[in-house]
Amino acid sequence: CTARMQFGIDCPGCGLTRSFIHLAHGNLADAWQLQPLSFAIFAYAVFQIPLAILHLRHVQPDWLATSTRWNSIILIALVLALGLRWVWRLLAGDLF
């Protein structure tokens, strides 16, 4: 991790890639231990696939506009959650 190399602390998303690999392999406990938010972020990422296909095919069902708005809200919530978890770990001394 560049943040660990440069500053000596984990970044807010530290462990996400390894956690995604564990999720893909069905190792849920290992994924949770690396990054508890990975479950929500993984689900969010998987949900992007059908949305992107619909947008690329220019299919515009009524629910697509609503889901696009919620998509933005959920993304902001996930980024805030990562940041808050990072600050919590930083204050608790878990990042060094």
N, C-alpha and C. Protein backbone atom coordinates (compact mmCIF):
# COMPACT_ATOMS: atom_id res chain seq x y z
N CYS A 1 0.85 -1.19 0.00
CA CYS A 1 0.00 0.00 0.00
C CYS A 1 0.89 1.25 0.00
N THR A 2 0.62 2.16 -0.88
CA THR A 2 1.40 3.38 -1.00
C THR A 2 1.31 4.22 0.27
N ALA A 3 0.12 4.30 0.87
CA ALA A 3 -0.04 5.08 2.09
C ALA A 3 0.83 4.51 3.21
N ARG A 4 0.88 3.20 3.31
CA ARG A 4 1.70 2.58 4.36
C ARG A 4 3.18 2.84 4.08
N MET A 5 3.57 2.77 2.83
CA MET A 5 4.97 3.00 2.49
C MET A 5 5.37 4.46 2.71
N GLN A 6 4.51 5.39 2.35
CA GLN A 6 4.82 6.81 2.45
C GLN A 6 4.64 7.38 3.86
N PHE A 7 3.54 6.98 4.53
CA PHE A 7 3.18 7.61 5.79
C PHE A 7 3.23 6.67 6.99
N GLY A 8 3.37 5.38 6.74
CA GLY A 8 3.44 4.42 7.84
C GLY A 8 2.11 4.04 8.44
N ILE A 9 0.99 4.39 7.77
CA ILE A 9 -0.34 4.00 8.26
C ILE A 9 -1.14 3.41 7.10
N ASP A 10 -2.14 2.63 7.46
CA ASP A 10 -3.04 2.06 6.44
C ASP A 10 -3.91 3.16 5.85
N CYS A 11 -4.32 2.98 4.60
CA CYS A 11 -5.25 3.91 3.97
C CYS A 11 -6.68 3.51 4.35
N PRO A 12 -7.69 4.35 4.08
CA PRO A 12 -9.07 4.01 4.44
C PRO A 12 -9.57 2.71 3.79
N GLY A 13 -9.10 2.39 2.61
CA GLY A 13 -9.57 1.18 1.93
C GLY A 13 -8.61 0.01 2.06
N CYS A 14 -7.67 0.11 2.98
CA CYS A 14 -6.66 -0.93 3.11
C CYS A 14 -7.33 -2.29 3.39
N GLY A 15 -6.93 -3.29 2.65
CA GLY A 15 -7.46 -4.64 2.81
C GLY A 15 -8.61 -4.96 1.88
N LEU A 16 -9.12 -3.99 1.14
CA LEU A 16 -10.28 -4.24 0.27
C LEU A 16 -9.98 -5.25 -0.83
N THR A 17 -8.86 -5.11 -1.49
CA THR A 17 -8.55 -6.02 -2.59
C THR A 17 -8.42 -7.45 -2.08
N ARG A 18 -7.66 -7.64 -1.02
CA ARG A 18 -7.51 -8.98 -0.45
C ARG A 18 -8.83 -9.50 0.08
N SER A 19 -9.64 -8.62 0.64
CA SER A 19 -10.95 -9.02 1.14
C SER A 19 -11.87 -9.45 0.00
N PHE A 20 -11.84 -8.73 -1.12
CA PHE A 20 -12.63 -9.12 -2.29
C PHE A 20 -12.22 -10.50 -2.80
N ILE A 21 -10.93 -10.77 -2.78
CA ILE A 21 -10.45 -12.08 -3.22
C ILE A 21 -10.99 -13.16 -2.30
N HIS A 22 -10.97 -12.90 -0.99
CA HIS A 22 -11.52 -13.87 -0.04
C HIS A 22 -13.03 -14.05 -0.26
N LEU A 23 -13.74 -12.96 -0.51
CA LEU A 23 -15.17 -13.07 -0.78
C LEU A 23 -15.44 -13.91 -2.02
N ALA A 24 -14.67 -13.67 -3.06
CA ALA A 24 -14.86 -14.43 -4.30
C ALA A 24 -14.58 -15.92 -4.10
N HIS A 25 -13.73 -16.24 -3.15
CA HIS A 25 -13.41 -17.64 -2.87
C HIS A 25 -14.28 -18.23 -1.77
N GLY A 26 -15.19 -17.42 -1.22
CA GLY A 26 -16.10 -17.91 -0.20
C GLY A 26 -15.53 -17.91 1.21
N ASN A 27 -14.39 -17.28 1.41
CA ASN A 27 -13.77 -17.21 2.74
C ASN A 27 -14.30 -15.97 3.47
N LEU A 28 -15.52 -16.07 3.97
CA LEU A 28 -16.19 -14.91 4.55
C LEU A 28 -15.51 -14.40 5.82
N ALA A 29 -15.06 -15.30 6.68
CA ALA A 29 -14.42 -14.87 7.93
C ALA A 29 -13.14 -14.10 7.65
N ASP A 30 -12.35 -14.58 6.70
CA ASP A 30 -11.11 -13.89 6.35
C ASP A 30 -11.40 -12.52 5.73
N ALA A 31 -12.44 -12.47 4.90
CA ALA A 31 -12.82 -11.20 4.29
C ALA A 31 -13.25 -10.20 5.36
N TRP A 32 -14.04 -10.66 6.32
CA TRP A 32 -14.52 -9.79 7.40
C TRP A 32 -13.36 -9.26 8.23
N GLN A 33 -12.42 -10.13 8.52
CA GLN A 33 -11.29 -9.71 9.34
C GLN A 33 -10.43 -8.65 8.65
N LEU A 34 -10.28 -8.75 7.34
CA LEU A 34 -9.49 -7.77 6.61
C LEU A 34 -10.20 -6.42 6.49
N GLN A 35 -11.49 -6.46 6.15
CA GLN A 35 -12.24 -5.21 5.93
C GLN A 35 -13.73 -5.52 6.03
N PRO A 36 -14.35 -5.25 7.19
CA PRO A 36 -15.78 -5.55 7.37
C PRO A 36 -16.69 -4.88 6.34
N LEU A 37 -16.31 -3.72 5.85
CA LEU A 37 -17.15 -3.02 4.87
C LEU A 37 -17.07 -3.65 3.47
N SER A 38 -16.18 -4.60 3.30
CA SER A 38 -16.02 -5.22 1.97
C SER A 38 -17.29 -5.91 1.50
N PHE A 39 -18.10 -6.44 2.42
CA PHE A 39 -19.32 -7.12 2.02
C PHE A 39 -20.26 -6.14 1.31
N ALA A 40 -20.46 -4.97 1.89
CA ALA A 40 -21.33 -3.96 1.29
C ALA A 40 -20.72 -3.40 0.00
N ILE A 41 -19.42 -3.18 0.00
CA ILE A 41 -18.76 -2.63 -1.18
C ILE A 41 -18.76 -3.64 -2.32
N PHE A 42 -18.57 -4.92 -2.00
CA PHE A 42 -18.61 -5.98 -3.01
C PHE A 42 -20.01 -6.06 -3.62
N ALA A 43 -21.05 -6.04 -2.77
CA ALA A 43 -22.43 -6.08 -3.27
C ALA A 43 -22.71 -4.87 -4.16
N TYR A 44 -22.23 -3.71 -3.74
CA TYR A 44 -22.41 -2.49 -4.53
C TYR A 44 -21.73 -2.64 -5.90
N ALA A 45 -20.51 -3.18 -5.90
CA ALA A 45 -19.78 -3.35 -7.16
C ALA A 45 -20.49 -4.33 -8.09
N VAL A 46 -21.00 -5.41 -7.54
CA VAL A 46 -21.71 -6.40 -8.36
C VAL A 46 -22.99 -5.79 -8.94
N PHE A 47 -23.67 -4.96 -8.17
CA PHE A 47 -24.90 -4.30 -8.63
C PHE A 47 -24.63 -3.35 -9.80
N GLN A 48 -23.40 -2.87 -9.91
CA GLN A 48 -23.07 -1.95 -10.99
C GLN A 48 -23.10 -2.62 -12.36
N ILE A 49 -22.90 -3.92 -12.41
CA ILE A 49 -22.84 -4.62 -13.69
C ILE A 49 -24.16 -4.54 -14.44
N PRO A 50 -25.30 -4.95 -13.84
CA PRO A 50 -26.56 -4.82 -14.61
C PRO A 50 -26.93 -3.37 -14.91
N LEU A 51 -26.61 -2.46 -13.98
CA LEU A 51 -26.91 -1.05 -14.25
C LEU A 51 -26.12 -0.54 -15.45
N ALA A 52 -24.85 -0.90 -15.52
CA ALA A 52 -24.02 -0.46 -16.65
C ALA A 52 -24.52 -1.06 -17.96
N ILE A 53 -24.93 -2.31 -17.93
CA ILE A 53 -25.45 -2.95 -19.15
C ILE A 53 -26.70 -2.23 -19.63
N LEU A 54 -27.60 -1.92 -18.72
CA LEU A 54 -28.83 -1.21 -19.11
C LEU A 54 -28.50 0.17 -19.68
N HIS A 55 -27.58 0.87 -19.05
CA HIS A 55 -27.20 2.19 -19.56
C HIS A 55 -26.55 2.09 -20.94
N LEU A 56 -25.69 1.10 -21.11
CA LEU A 56 -25.03 0.94 -22.41
C LEU A 56 -26.00 0.56 -23.52
N ARG A 57 -27.03 -0.19 -23.17
CA ARG A 57 -28.03 -0.61 -24.16
C ARG A 57 -29.12 0.45 -24.34
N HIS A 58 -29.01 1.55 -23.61
CA HIS A 58 -29.97 2.65 -23.67
C HIS A 58 -31.38 2.19 -23.32
N VAL A 59 -31.46 1.24 -22.41
CA VAL A 59 -32.74 0.79 -21.88
C VAL A 59 -33.06 1.69 -20.69
N GLN A 60 -34.24 2.28 -20.69
CA GLN A 60 -34.60 3.24 -19.66
C GLN A 60 -35.90 2.86 -18.96
N PRO A 61 -35.94 1.74 -18.22
CA PRO A 61 -37.16 1.46 -17.46
C PRO A 61 -37.36 2.53 -16.38
N ASP A 62 -38.58 2.64 -15.88
CA ASP A 62 -38.90 3.69 -14.90
C ASP A 62 -38.03 3.60 -13.65
N TRP A 63 -37.75 2.40 -13.21
CA TRP A 63 -36.99 2.24 -11.97
C TRP A 63 -35.51 2.59 -12.13
N LEU A 64 -35.03 2.71 -13.36
CA LEU A 64 -33.60 2.97 -13.57
C LEU A 64 -33.20 4.35 -13.06
N ALA A 65 -34.03 5.34 -13.27
CA ALA A 65 -33.71 6.69 -12.78
C ALA A 65 -33.66 6.71 -11.26
N THR A 66 -34.60 6.03 -10.62
CA THR A 66 -34.61 5.97 -9.16
C THR A 66 -33.38 5.22 -8.65
N SER A 67 -33.04 4.11 -9.29
CA SER A 67 -31.88 3.34 -8.83
C SER A 67 -30.58 4.12 -9.05
N THR A 68 -30.53 4.94 -10.08
CA THR A 68 -29.34 5.74 -10.33
C THR A 68 -29.16 6.78 -9.22
N ARG A 69 -30.26 7.37 -8.76
CA ARG A 69 -30.18 8.32 -7.64
C ARG A 69 -29.73 7.61 -6.37
N TRP A 70 -30.32 6.46 -6.09
CA TRP A 70 -29.93 5.69 -4.91
C TRP A 70 -28.50 5.21 -5.02
N ASN A 71 -28.07 4.90 -6.22
CA ASN A 71 -26.71 4.46 -6.46
C ASN A 71 -25.72 5.52 -5.97
N SER A 72 -25.98 6.76 -6.27
CA SER A 72 -25.10 7.85 -5.83
C SER A 72 -25.12 8.00 -4.32
N ILE A 73 -26.29 7.90 -3.73
CA ILE A 73 -26.42 8.03 -2.27
C ILE A 73 -25.67 6.90 -1.58
N ILE A 74 -25.82 5.69 -2.08
CA ILE A 74 -25.15 4.54 -1.48
C ILE A 74 -23.63 4.67 -1.62
N LEU A 75 -23.17 5.13 -2.76
CA LEU A 75 -21.73 5.32 -2.96
C LEU A 75 -21.17 6.32 -1.95
N ILE A 76 -21.85 7.43 -1.76
CA ILE A 76 -21.41 8.43 -0.79
C ILE A 76 -21.40 7.83 0.62
N ALA A 77 -22.44 7.06 0.96
CA ALA A 77 -22.51 6.43 2.28
C ALA A 77 -21.35 5.45 2.49
N LEU A 78 -21.02 4.68 1.47
CA LEU A 78 -19.92 3.72 1.59
C LEU A 78 -18.58 4.43 1.76
N VAL A 79 -18.37 5.50 1.01
CA VAL A 79 -17.12 6.25 1.14
C VAL A 79 -17.03 6.88 2.54
N LEU A 80 -18.13 7.43 3.02
CA LEU A 80 -18.14 8.00 4.37
C LEU A 80 -17.88 6.92 5.43
N ALA A 81 -18.48 5.75 5.25
CA ALA A 81 -18.26 4.65 6.20
C ALA A 81 -16.80 4.23 6.22
N LEU A 82 -16.18 4.14 5.04
CA LEU A 82 -14.75 3.81 5.00
C LEU A 82 -13.93 4.87 5.74
N GLY A 83 -14.25 6.12 5.50
CA GLY A 83 -13.54 7.20 6.17
C GLY A 83 -13.73 7.19 7.68
N LEU A 84 -14.96 6.96 8.12
CA LEU A 84 -15.23 6.92 9.56
C LEU A 84 -14.55 5.74 10.23
N ARG A 85 -14.55 4.59 9.56
CA ARG A 85 -13.87 3.42 10.11
C ARG A 85 -12.36 3.68 10.21
N TRP A 86 -11.83 4.35 9.19
CA TRP A 86 -10.41 4.67 9.18
C TRP A 86 -10.06 5.62 10.33
N VAL A 87 -10.86 6.66 10.54
CA VAL A 87 -10.63 7.60 11.64
C VAL A 87 -10.74 6.87 12.98
N TRP A 88 -11.73 6.00 13.12
CA TRP A 88 -11.91 5.23 14.35
C TRP A 88 -10.67 4.39 14.63
N ARG A 89 -10.19 3.69 13.61
CA ARG A 89 -8.99 2.87 13.79
C ARG A 89 -7.76 3.73 14.06
N LEU A 90 -7.70 4.89 13.44
CA LEU A 90 -6.59 5.81 13.66
C LEU A 90 -6.57 6.29 15.11
N LEU A 91 -7.73 6.67 15.63
CA LEU A 91 -7.82 7.15 17.01
C LEU A 91 -7.57 6.03 18.01
N ALA A 92 -7.95 4.80 17.63
CA ALA A 92 -7.76 3.65 18.52
C ALA A 92 -6.33 3.13 18.47
N GLY A 93 -5.55 3.61 17.52
CA GLY A 93 -4.16 3.18 17.41
C GLY A 93 -3.98 1.87 16.66
N ASP A 94 -5.00 1.43 15.92
CA ASP A 94 -4.93 0.16 15.18
C ASP A 94 -4.21 0.26 13.84
N LEU A 95 -3.86 1.44 13.39
CA LEU A 95 -3.31 1.59 12.05
C LEU A 95 -1.80 1.60 12.00
N PHE A 96 -1.16 1.59 13.11
CA PHE A 96 0.31 1.70 13.10
C PHE A 96 0.96 0.34 13.28
